[in-house]
Amino acid sequence: MAKRVIAIGDIHGCLTALDAVLTAIDPEPSDSLVLLGDFVDRGPNSAGVIDRLIELRERCFLFTIMGNHDELMLEVIEENTWKLGQWLMYGGEQTMRSYGTDKVSDIPKEHVAFLRNCIPFCETDHHFFTHANYLEGKPLKKTPGAVLRWESIKARMPGHHNSGKMAVLGHSAQKAGIILYSGYLLCLDTYCYGTGCLTAFEVNTGEYWQADRSGRLLKNEIFRPQ
């Protein structure tokens, strides 16, 4: 059994915020960190974020869930060039700048392998984690990728999942920087690349940490639903 199970919301290239949260958490070998996807795009240092996550595998158990931005970047890398314009428009331009190149072929093979090895979801006894959304009546393994990675809870707020587990999601930016809690669902995308913050949440105790994109630690508290 892991000492802690900590979910981290959408990073979007905000390495300074990620480093601040990791310093506050200080992961230990028995901890499990679940990264909810969208590691890249929009923020200033997507390349650095992937480097840091690769390093983090040596410190703790790491589960990296694929977000829609990660999926789109991987599709472009794998020569679906017809999606290049879409990717650049939605943050890929900042990502390529972080690599110091305008050639997708220059992205390190280790980073490509990292993206390929991302998973669609993961579960514990009492929680499940995916990037965007879920279908209440379907097992996660039978849920379409378009739902898991692309469907916003702002477009369709799901009900309780039939597993009875708490859902822990990202993707749907909470622009006020406040965790969304519905009683059976947590959304931890707190708009780090914009005016919000990056959120890390220990699902068993409710302890959470938040840092803004400048690396300033804003909160280390126990979650009290409003």
C-alpha atoms as a PDB file:
ATOM      1  CA  MET A   1       0.000   0.000   0.000  1.00  0.00           C
ATOM      2  CA  ALA A   2       1.379   3.377  -1.007  1.00  0.00           C
ATOM      3  CA  LYS A   3       2.088   5.833   1.761  1.00  0.00           C
ATOM      4  CA  ARG A   4       0.331   8.613  -0.146  1.00  0.00           C
ATOM      5  CA  VAL A   5      -1.663   8.822  -3.381  1.00  0.00           C
ATOM      6  CA  ILE A   6      -1.272  12.320  -4.779  1.00  0.00           C
ATOM      7  CA  ALA A   7      -2.990  13.482  -7.959  1.00  0.00           C
ATOM      8  CA  ILE A   8      -1.587  16.496  -9.827  1.00  0.00           C
ATOM      9  CA  GLY A   9      -3.686  18.517 -12.237  1.00  0.00           C
ATOM     10  CA  ASP A  10      -2.899  19.870 -15.687  1.00  0.00           C
ATOM     11  CA  ILE A  11       0.670  21.232 -15.780  1.00  0.00           C
ATOM     12  CA  HIS A  12       0.653  22.684 -19.321  1.00  0.00           C
ATOM     13  CA  GLY A  13       4.381  23.375 -19.488  1.00  0.00           C
ATOM     14  CA  CYS A  14       4.551  25.228 -16.161  1.00  0.00           C
ATOM     15  CA  LEU A  15       7.777  23.702 -14.859  1.00  0.00           C
ATOM     16  CA  THR A  16       8.350  26.326 -12.156  1.00  0.00           C
ATOM     17  CA  ALA A  17       4.954  25.593 -10.610  1.00  0.00           C
ATOM     18  CA  LEU A  18       5.576  21.851 -10.833  1.00  0.00           C
ATOM     19  CA  ASP A  19       8.939  22.182  -9.097  1.00  0.00           C
ATOM     20  CA  ALA A  20       7.379  24.252  -6.315  1.00  0.00           C
ATOM     21  CA  VAL A  21       4.667  21.654  -5.715  1.00  0.00           C
ATOM     22  CA  LEU A  22       7.164  18.776  -5.803  1.00  0.00           C
ATOM     23  CA  THR A  23       9.387  20.555  -3.286  1.00  0.00           C
ATOM     24  CA  ALA A  24       6.401  20.958  -0.970  1.00  0.00           C
ATOM     25  CA  ILE A  25       5.275  17.342  -1.410  1.00  0.00           C
ATOM     26  CA  ASP A  26       8.816  15.898  -1.194  1.00  0.00           C
ATOM     27  CA  PRO A  27       7.846  12.532  -2.743  1.00  0.00           C
ATOM     28  CA  GLU A  28       9.101   9.412  -1.001  1.00  0.00           C
ATOM     29  CA  PRO A  29       9.688   5.977  -2.595  1.00  0.00           C
ATOM     30  CA  SER A  30       6.425   4.601  -1.172  1.00  0.00           C
ATOM     31  CA  ASP A  31       4.305   7.457  -2.576  1.00  0.00           C
ATOM     32  CA  SER A  32       2.183   7.189  -5.728  1.00  0.00           C
ATOM     33  CA  LEU A  33       1.881  10.303  -7.863  1.00  0.00           C
ATOM     34  CA  VAL A  34      -0.878  10.319 -10.467  1.00  0.00           C
ATOM     35  CA  LEU A  35      -0.404  12.956 -13.154  1.00  0.00           C
ATOM     36  CA  LEU A  36      -3.751  13.777 -14.758  1.00  0.00           C
ATOM     37  CA  GLY A  37      -2.444  14.715 -18.204  1.00  0.00           C
ATOM     38  CA  ASP A  38      -1.836  17.793 -20.348  1.00  0.00           C
ATOM     39  CA  PHE A  39       1.834  17.987 -19.464  1.00  0.00           C
ATOM     40  CA  VAL A  40       2.522  20.082 -22.568  1.00  0.00           C
ATOM     41  CA  ASP A  41       1.352  23.171 -24.490  1.00  0.00           C
ATOM     42  CA  ARG A  42       0.463  26.750 -23.621  1.00  0.00           C
ATOM     43  CA  GLY A  43       2.978  27.196 -20.779  1.00  0.00           C
ATOM     44  CA  PRO A  44       6.651  28.103 -21.277  1.00  0.00           C
ATOM     45  CA  ASN A  45       8.577  24.865 -20.659  1.00  0.00           C
ATOM     46  CA  SER A  46       6.884  21.676 -21.810  1.00  0.00           C
ATOM     47  CA  ALA A  47      10.254  20.088 -22.600  1.00  0.00           C
ATOM     48  CA  GLY A  48      11.407  20.741 -19.041  1.00  0.00           C
ATOM     49  CA  VAL A  49       8.194  19.300 -17.605  1.00  0.00           C
ATOM     50  CA  ILE A  50       8.680  16.006 -19.438  1.00  0.00           C
ATOM     51  CA  ASP A  51      12.324  15.898 -18.325  1.00  0.00           C
ATOM     52  CA  ARG A  52      11.221  16.391 -14.722  1.00  0.00           C
ATOM     53  CA  LEU A  53       8.570  13.684 -14.914  1.00  0.00           C
ATOM     54  CA  ILE A  54      11.056  11.213 -16.373  1.00  0.00           C
ATOM     55  CA  GLU A  55      13.383  11.999 -13.453  1.00  0.00           C
ATOM     56  CA  LEU A  56      10.506  11.615 -11.000  1.00  0.00           C
ATOM     57  CA  ARG A  57      10.162   7.929 -11.879  1.00  0.00           C
ATOM     58  CA  GLU A  58      13.347   7.357  -9.871  1.00  0.00           C
ATOM     59  CA  ARG A  59      11.803   8.856  -6.712  1.00  0.00           C
ATOM     60  CA  CYS A  60       8.351   7.297  -6.389  1.00  0.00           C
ATOM     61  CA  PHE A  61       5.612   5.364  -8.148  1.00  0.00           C
ATOM     62  CA  LEU A  62       4.532   7.508 -11.102  1.00  0.00           C
ATOM     63  CA  PHE A  63       1.360   7.126 -13.166  1.00  0.00           C
ATOM     64  CA  THR A  64       1.134   9.455 -16.174  1.00  0.00           C
ATOM     65  CA  ILE A  65      -2.315   9.754 -17.728  1.00  0.00           C
ATOM     66  CA  MET A  66      -2.571  10.976 -21.288  1.00  0.00           C
ATOM     67  CA  GLY A  67      -4.365  14.269 -21.829  1.00  0.00           C
ATOM     68  CA  ASN A  68      -5.775  15.585 -25.082  1.00  0.00           C
ATOM     69  CA  HIS A  69      -2.803  17.918 -25.597  1.00  0.00           C
ATOM     70  CA  ASP A  70      -0.360  15.056 -25.048  1.00  0.00           C
ATOM     71  CA  GLU A  71      -2.311  12.898 -27.490  1.00  0.00           C
ATOM     72  CA  LEU A  72      -2.378  15.641 -30.126  1.00  0.00           C
ATOM     73  CA  MET A  73       1.381  16.232 -29.783  1.00  0.00           C
ATOM     74  CA  LEU A  74       2.061  12.507 -30.164  1.00  0.00           C
ATOM     75  CA  GLU A  75      -0.162  12.295 -33.238  1.00  0.00           C
ATOM     76  CA  VAL A  76       1.789  15.123 -34.861  1.00  0.00           C
ATOM     77  CA  ILE A  77       5.108  13.477 -33.970  1.00  0.00           C
ATOM     78  CA  GLU A  78       3.880  10.241 -35.538  1.00  0.00           C
ATOM     79  CA  GLU A  79       3.424  12.074 -38.835  1.00  0.00           C
ATOM     80  CA  ASN A  80      -0.224  12.992 -38.729  1.00  0.00           C
ATOM     81  CA  THR A  81       0.927  16.326 -40.122  1.00  0.00           C
ATOM     82  CA  TRP A  82      -2.598  17.357 -41.045  1.00  0.00           C
ATOM     83  CA  LYS A  83      -3.086  18.021 -37.316  1.00  0.00           C
ATOM     84  CA  LEU A  84       0.005  20.226 -37.048  1.00  0.00           C
ATOM     85  CA  GLY A  85      -1.910  23.471 -37.539  1.00  0.00           C
ATOM     86  CA  GLN A  86      -4.456  22.529 -34.893  1.00  0.00           C
ATOM     87  CA  TRP A  87      -1.706  21.606 -32.432  1.00  0.00           C
ATOM     88  CA  LEU A  88       0.262  24.816 -32.994  1.00  0.00           C
ATOM     89  CA  MET A  89      -2.913  26.871 -32.531  1.00  0.00           C
ATOM     90  CA  TYR A  90      -3.723  25.207 -29.198  1.00  0.00           C
ATOM     91  CA  GLY A  91      -0.328  25.574 -27.563  1.00  0.00           C
ATOM     92  CA  GLY A  92       2.037  23.505 -29.678  1.00  0.00           C
ATOM     93  CA  GLU A  93       3.889  26.642 -30.743  1.00  0.00           C
ATOM     94  CA  GLN A  94       4.981  27.266 -27.139  1.00  0.00           C
ATOM     95  CA  THR A  95       5.931  23.603 -26.816  1.00  0.00           C
ATOM     96  CA  MET A  96       8.156  23.689 -29.896  1.00  0.00           C
ATOM     97  CA  ARG A  97       9.751  26.881 -28.602  1.00  0.00           C
ATOM     98  CA  SER A  98      10.656  25.062 -25.375  1.00  0.00           C
ATOM     99  CA  TYR A  99      12.573  22.512 -27.465  1.00  0.00           C
ATOM    100  CA  GLY A 100      14.409  25.290 -29.299  1.00  0.00           C
ATOM    101  CA  THR A 101      13.384  23.989 -32.716  1.00  0.00           C
ATOM    102  CA  ASP A 102      10.674  24.185 -35.341  1.00  0.00           C
ATOM    103  CA  LYS A 103      11.132  20.544 -36.376  1.00  0.00           C
ATOM    104  CA  VAL A 104       9.028  17.885 -34.687  1.00  0.00           C
ATOM    105  CA  SER A 105      11.714  15.368 -35.646  1.00  0.00           C
ATOM    106  CA  ASP A 106      14.088  17.113 -33.192  1.00  0.00           C
ATOM    107  CA  ILE A 107      11.996  16.145 -30.141  1.00  0.00           C
ATOM    108  CA  PRO A 108      14.094  13.678 -28.099  1.00  0.00           C
ATOM    109  CA  LYS A 109      13.218  10.004 -28.511  1.00  0.00           C
ATOM    110  CA  GLU A 110      12.986   9.683 -24.720  1.00  0.00           C
ATOM    111  CA  HIS A 111      10.212  12.279 -24.710  1.00  0.00           C
ATOM    112  CA  VAL A 112       8.364  10.522 -27.519  1.00  0.00           C
ATOM    113  CA  ALA A 113       8.586   7.258 -25.546  1.00  0.00           C
ATOM    114  CA  PHE A 114       7.249   9.052 -22.465  1.00  0.00           C
ATOM    115  CA  LEU A 115       4.167  10.177 -24.388  1.00  0.00           C
ATOM    116  CA  ARG A 116       3.622   6.738 -25.909  1.00  0.00           C
ATOM    117  CA  ASN A 117       3.723   5.151 -22.462  1.00  0.00           C
ATOM    118  CA  CYS A 118       1.041   7.380 -20.967  1.00  0.00           C
ATOM    119  CA  ILE A 119      -2.049   5.500 -19.799  1.00  0.00           C
ATOM    120  CA  PRO A 120      -5.769   6.283 -20.313  1.00  0.00           C
ATOM    121  CA  PHE A 121      -6.756   5.945 -16.627  1.00  0.00           C
ATOM    122  CA  CYS A 122      -5.807   4.306 -13.346  1.00  0.00           C
ATOM    123  CA  GLU A 123      -7.691   3.194 -10.236  1.00  0.00           C
ATOM    124  CA  THR A 124      -7.318   2.544  -6.528  1.00  0.00           C
ATOM    125  CA  ASP A 125      -9.817   0.833  -4.249  1.00  0.00           C
ATOM    126  CA  HIS A 126     -11.780   4.053  -3.727  1.00  0.00           C
ATOM    127  CA  HIS A 127     -10.800   6.431  -6.579  1.00  0.00           C
ATOM    128  CA  PHE A 128     -10.313   6.445 -10.312  1.00  0.00           C
ATOM    129  CA  PHE A 129      -8.273   8.942 -12.283  1.00  0.00           C
ATOM    130  CA  THR A 130      -8.569  10.047 -15.889  1.00  0.00           C
ATOM    131  CA  HIS A 131      -7.963  13.240 -17.786  1.00  0.00           C
ATOM    132  CA  ALA A 132     -11.306  14.597 -18.913  1.00  0.00           C
ATOM    133  CA  ASN A 133     -14.531  12.680 -18.312  1.00  0.00           C
ATOM    134  CA  TYR A 134     -16.188   9.268 -18.023  1.00  0.00           C
ATOM    135  CA  LEU A 135     -19.452   7.470 -18.719  1.00  0.00           C
ATOM    136  CA  GLU A 136     -21.383   6.620 -15.579  1.00  0.00           C
ATOM    137  CA  GLY A 137     -22.565   3.196 -16.736  1.00  0.00           C
ATOM    138  CA  LYS A 138     -19.434   1.936 -18.498  1.00  0.00           C
ATOM    139  CA  PRO A 139     -16.210   0.436 -17.156  1.00  0.00           C
ATOM    140  CA  LEU A 140     -13.273   2.745 -17.816  1.00  0.00           C
ATOM    141  CA  LYS A 141     -11.620   0.169 -20.066  1.00  0.00           C
ATOM    142  CA  LYS A 142     -14.690   0.293 -22.358  1.00  0.00           C
ATOM    143  CA  THR A 143     -14.966   4.087 -22.391  1.00  0.00           C
ATOM    144  CA  PRO A 144     -13.986   5.804 -25.665  1.00  0.00           C
ATOM    145  CA  GLY A 145     -10.758   7.775 -25.679  1.00  0.00           C
ATOM    146  CA  ALA A 146     -12.672  10.823 -26.899  1.00  0.00           C
ATOM    147  CA  VAL A 147     -14.525  10.857 -23.574  1.00  0.00           C
ATOM    148  CA  LEU A 148     -11.526  10.083 -21.373  1.00  0.00           C
ATOM    149  CA  ARG A 149      -9.297  12.724 -22.988  1.00  0.00           C
ATOM    150  CA  TRP A 150     -11.468  15.325 -24.701  1.00  0.00           C
ATOM    151  CA  GLU A 151     -14.970  15.690 -23.226  1.00  0.00           C
ATOM    152  CA  SER A 152     -15.265  18.596 -20.808  1.00  0.00           C
ATOM    153  CA  ILE A 153     -17.404  18.281 -17.700  1.00  0.00           C
ATOM    154  CA  LYS A 154     -18.593  21.782 -18.598  1.00  0.00           C
ATOM    155  CA  ALA A 155     -20.231  20.256 -21.683  1.00  0.00           C
ATOM    156  CA  ARG A 156     -21.555  17.176 -19.866  1.00  0.00           C
ATOM    157  CA  MET A 157     -21.395  16.842 -16.118  1.00  0.00           C
ATOM    158  CA  PRO A 158     -21.442  13.099 -15.358  1.00  0.00           C
ATOM    159  CA  GLY A 159     -23.236  11.442 -12.478  1.00  0.00           C
ATOM    160  CA  HIS A 160     -21.869   8.914 -10.016  1.00  0.00           C
ATOM    161  CA  HIS A 161     -19.843   6.183 -11.686  1.00  0.00           C
ATOM    162  CA  ASN A 162     -21.364   2.752 -11.259  1.00  0.00           C
ATOM    163  CA  SER A 163     -18.152   1.518  -9.604  1.00  0.00           C
ATOM    164  CA  GLY A 164     -19.015   3.695  -6.610  1.00  0.00           C
ATOM    165  CA  LYS A 165     -15.543   5.250  -6.729  1.00  0.00           C
ATOM    166  CA  MET A 166     -14.677   8.947  -6.519  1.00  0.00           C
ATOM    167  CA  ALA A 167     -13.652  10.443  -9.883  1.00  0.00           C
ATOM    168  CA  VAL A 168     -10.493  12.569 -10.004  1.00  0.00           C
ATOM    169  CA  LEU A 169     -10.194  14.551 -13.238  1.00  0.00           C
ATOM    170  CA  GLY A 170      -8.390  17.420 -14.931  1.00  0.00           C
ATOM    171  CA  HIS A 171      -9.040  19.062 -18.326  1.00  0.00           C
ATOM    172  CA  SER A 172     -11.910  21.421 -17.435  1.00  0.00           C
ATOM    173  CA  ALA A 173     -10.099  24.532 -16.264  1.00  0.00           C
ATOM    174  CA  GLN A 174     -11.358  26.053 -13.006  1.00  0.00           C
ATOM    175  CA  LYS A 175     -10.182  29.559 -13.774  1.00  0.00           C
ATOM    176  CA  ALA A 176     -10.650  30.881 -10.246  1.00  0.00           C
ATOM    177  CA  GLY A 177      -8.002  28.399  -9.090  1.00  0.00           C
ATOM    178  CA  ILE A 178     -10.484  26.613  -6.810  1.00  0.00           C
ATOM    179  CA  ILE A 179     -10.851  22.823  -6.774  1.00  0.00           C
ATOM    180  CA  LEU A 180     -14.230  21.664  -8.089  1.00  0.00           C
ATOM    181  CA  TYR A 181     -15.927  19.125  -5.811  1.00  0.00           C
ATOM    182  CA  SER A 182     -19.356  17.637  -6.434  1.00  0.00           C
ATOM    183  CA  GLY A 183     -19.477  14.985  -3.716  1.00  0.00           C
ATOM    184  CA  TYR A 184     -18.415  12.198  -6.088  1.00  0.00           C
ATOM    185  CA  LEU A 185     -16.040  14.074  -8.406  1.00  0.00           C
ATOM    186  CA  LEU A 186     -12.936  16.246  -8.035  1.00  0.00           C
ATOM    187  CA  CYS A 187     -11.573  18.419 -10.837  1.00  0.00           C
ATOM    188  CA  LEU A 188      -7.965  19.480 -10.233  1.00  0.00           C
ATOM    189  CA  ASP A 189      -7.326  21.564 -13.352  1.00  0.00           C
ATOM    190  CA  THR A 190      -6.961  24.941 -11.668  1.00  0.00           C
ATOM    191  CA  TYR A 191      -5.690  26.937 -14.698  1.00  0.00           C
ATOM    192  CA  CYS A 192      -1.975  26.940 -13.995  1.00  0.00           C
ATOM    193  CA  TYR A 193      -0.915  28.262 -17.398  1.00  0.00           C
ATOM    194  CA  GLY A 194      -3.264  31.215 -16.962  1.00  0.00           C
ATOM    195  CA  THR A 195      -4.086  33.181 -13.833  1.00  0.00           C
ATOM    196  CA  GLY A 196      -4.706  30.181 -11.581  1.00  0.00           C
ATOM    197  CA  CYS A 197      -2.365  27.624 -10.072  1.00  0.00           C
ATOM    198  CA  LEU A 198      -1.167  24.035 -10.157  1.00  0.00           C
ATOM    199  CA  THR A 199      -2.915  21.724  -7.694  1.00  0.00           C
ATOM    200  CA  ALA A 200      -1.689  18.506  -6.077  1.00  0.00           C
ATOM    201  CA  PHE A 201      -4.202  16.575  -3.961  1.00  0.00           C
ATOM    202  CA  GLU A 202      -3.667  13.638  -1.601  1.00  0.00           C
ATOM    203  CA  VAL A 203      -6.845  11.673  -2.157  1.00  0.00           C
ATOM    204  CA  ASN A 204      -6.873   9.746   1.116  1.00  0.00           C
ATOM    205  CA  THR A 205      -6.457  12.672   3.510  1.00  0.00           C
ATOM    206  CA  GLY A 206      -7.601  15.718   1.526  1.00  0.00           C
ATOM    207  CA  GLU A 207      -4.280  17.505   2.004  1.00  0.00           C
ATOM    208  CA  TYR A 208      -3.521  19.685  -0.998  1.00  0.00           C
ATOM    209  CA  TRP A 209      -0.860  22.017  -2.298  1.00  0.00           C
ATOM    210  CA  GLN A 210      -1.102  24.838  -4.831  1.00  0.00           C
ATOM    211  CA  ALA A 211       1.570  26.931  -6.549  1.00  0.00           C
ATOM    212  CA  ASP A 212       1.259  29.629  -9.192  1.00  0.00           C
ATOM    213  CA  ARG A 213       3.230  29.619 -12.423  1.00  0.00           C
ATOM    214  CA  SER A 214       5.919  31.844 -10.882  1.00  0.00           C
ATOM    215  CA  GLY A 215       6.632  29.099  -8.337  1.00  0.00           C
ATOM    216  CA  ARG A 216       5.037  30.775  -5.340  1.00  0.00           C
ATOM    217  CA  LEU A 217       3.454  28.232  -2.980  1.00  0.00           C
ATOM    218  CA  LEU A 218      -0.065  29.478  -2.299  1.00  0.00           C
ATOM    219  CA  LYS A 219      -1.590  26.757  -0.133  1.00  0.00           C
ATOM    220  CA  ASN A 220      -0.828  23.634   1.849  1.00  0.00           C
ATOM    221  CA  GLU A 221      -4.090  22.856   3.582  1.00  0.00           C
ATOM    222  CA  ILE A 222      -6.713  20.188   4.228  1.00  0.00           C
ATOM    223  CA  PHE A 223      -9.524  20.443   1.716  1.00  0.00           C
ATOM    224  CA  ARG A 224     -12.790  21.796   3.115  1.00  0.00           C
ATOM    225  CA  PRO A 225     -15.584  21.604   0.503  1.00  0.00           C
ATOM    226  CA  GLN A 226     -17.372  24.919   0.129  1.00  0.00           C
END
